[in-house]
Each structure stands twice: as C-alpha cells, then as structure tokens.
C-alpha cells in the first residue's frame, strides 16, 4: 500500500525503534535509576514552582521567606541570608526590598552596627509562607498518588543503595534484627 509520498508504508522505518550502535555497559541499571530519580525530582520541582507562582512567589523569594521565618522573632542578618540562599548579597538586598514593599518582610538595622540589617517575617509573610507550603503539599500529594507505591519504595531503596552504598532492603534489615 502506498502513502501520499508514493512509498510503500511497509518499507518506512519506525522512527521510534531503538537505533543500533549506541554505547551501553553494565552501568545502564544505575543510569536508569538515576534518570528516574532525577525525573521524579524535576517533576516535583515543577509542581512546587507552580504552587509558588499561584502565591506570586519565585522559588528564591520563597526560600528567603522560609529562612527568615525559621529564624523566629530575632530574624536573620541579611548577609547570612545571602550565604543560605547561595545568592549574591546585592540580589538578596533587592529581594528583601521587593518583599518588604509587599509587606511580607520587615527589616531592622542593628544598634551596634547600623550597616547590619536583620530581616524577619511579618504576619502577612507568615500567611504567605503557610499558604504556599499548603499548596506545595497538595501538589506533591497528588503527584505521590500517581505513583505505584511499591515501585516508589523500591526506587527509594535502590537510590539509597546507589548513592549512599547502604543496603536498606527488608531482607537485610530483618536479618540484622534477628542476629
């Protein structure tokens, strides 16, 4: 049977069929596991970032809010935020200014050294963090429901074995607890 190009459809190569000649060795199992783990991580990050966008927060703004909030009533020095966020201090200064204009953080210069700025959450900032966290949890819970639970457990077990070199299999754990 001929198609519109005049070629016999039976003679067309399958564009999805695996091609011969690519390199593969005994590490293919580890590579597949790492790819699956990374794919799952990436999918989770996409969902997390979408949840943050619903709250008009970038991942870096959210991280800043988390760090400022985790510091409690004392807040955190802006320079320490730069280290924790692994972001230049000038960028952190801009983020603090943006979040301050939105009423999510407040700043105080220390009495001992007016150059030192402490950053802390406002009540509105705390509500924004709680809302974003709830949205992320909901998105990740939906993602987790899509996975086959035994497969996820096996993948995590193999990931720990691959990356940490620790055998956490049920057989290994039960034999250690018996002996």
Foldseek 3Di string as FASTA:
>chain_A
DADPVRDDPVPDDDPPDDDPDDDDDPCVVVVVLVVVVVVVVVVLVVQLQVLLVVLVHGPLLLLLLVQQAVVPPQAAWLVVSCVVSVHDSVVSVVSQVVCVVVQQKDWDQDPVDSVIIGIHGDPVNVVSNVSSVVSSVVSVVVVVVPDDVVVVVVSVQVVCCVPVVDHPDPVVVVVVVVD
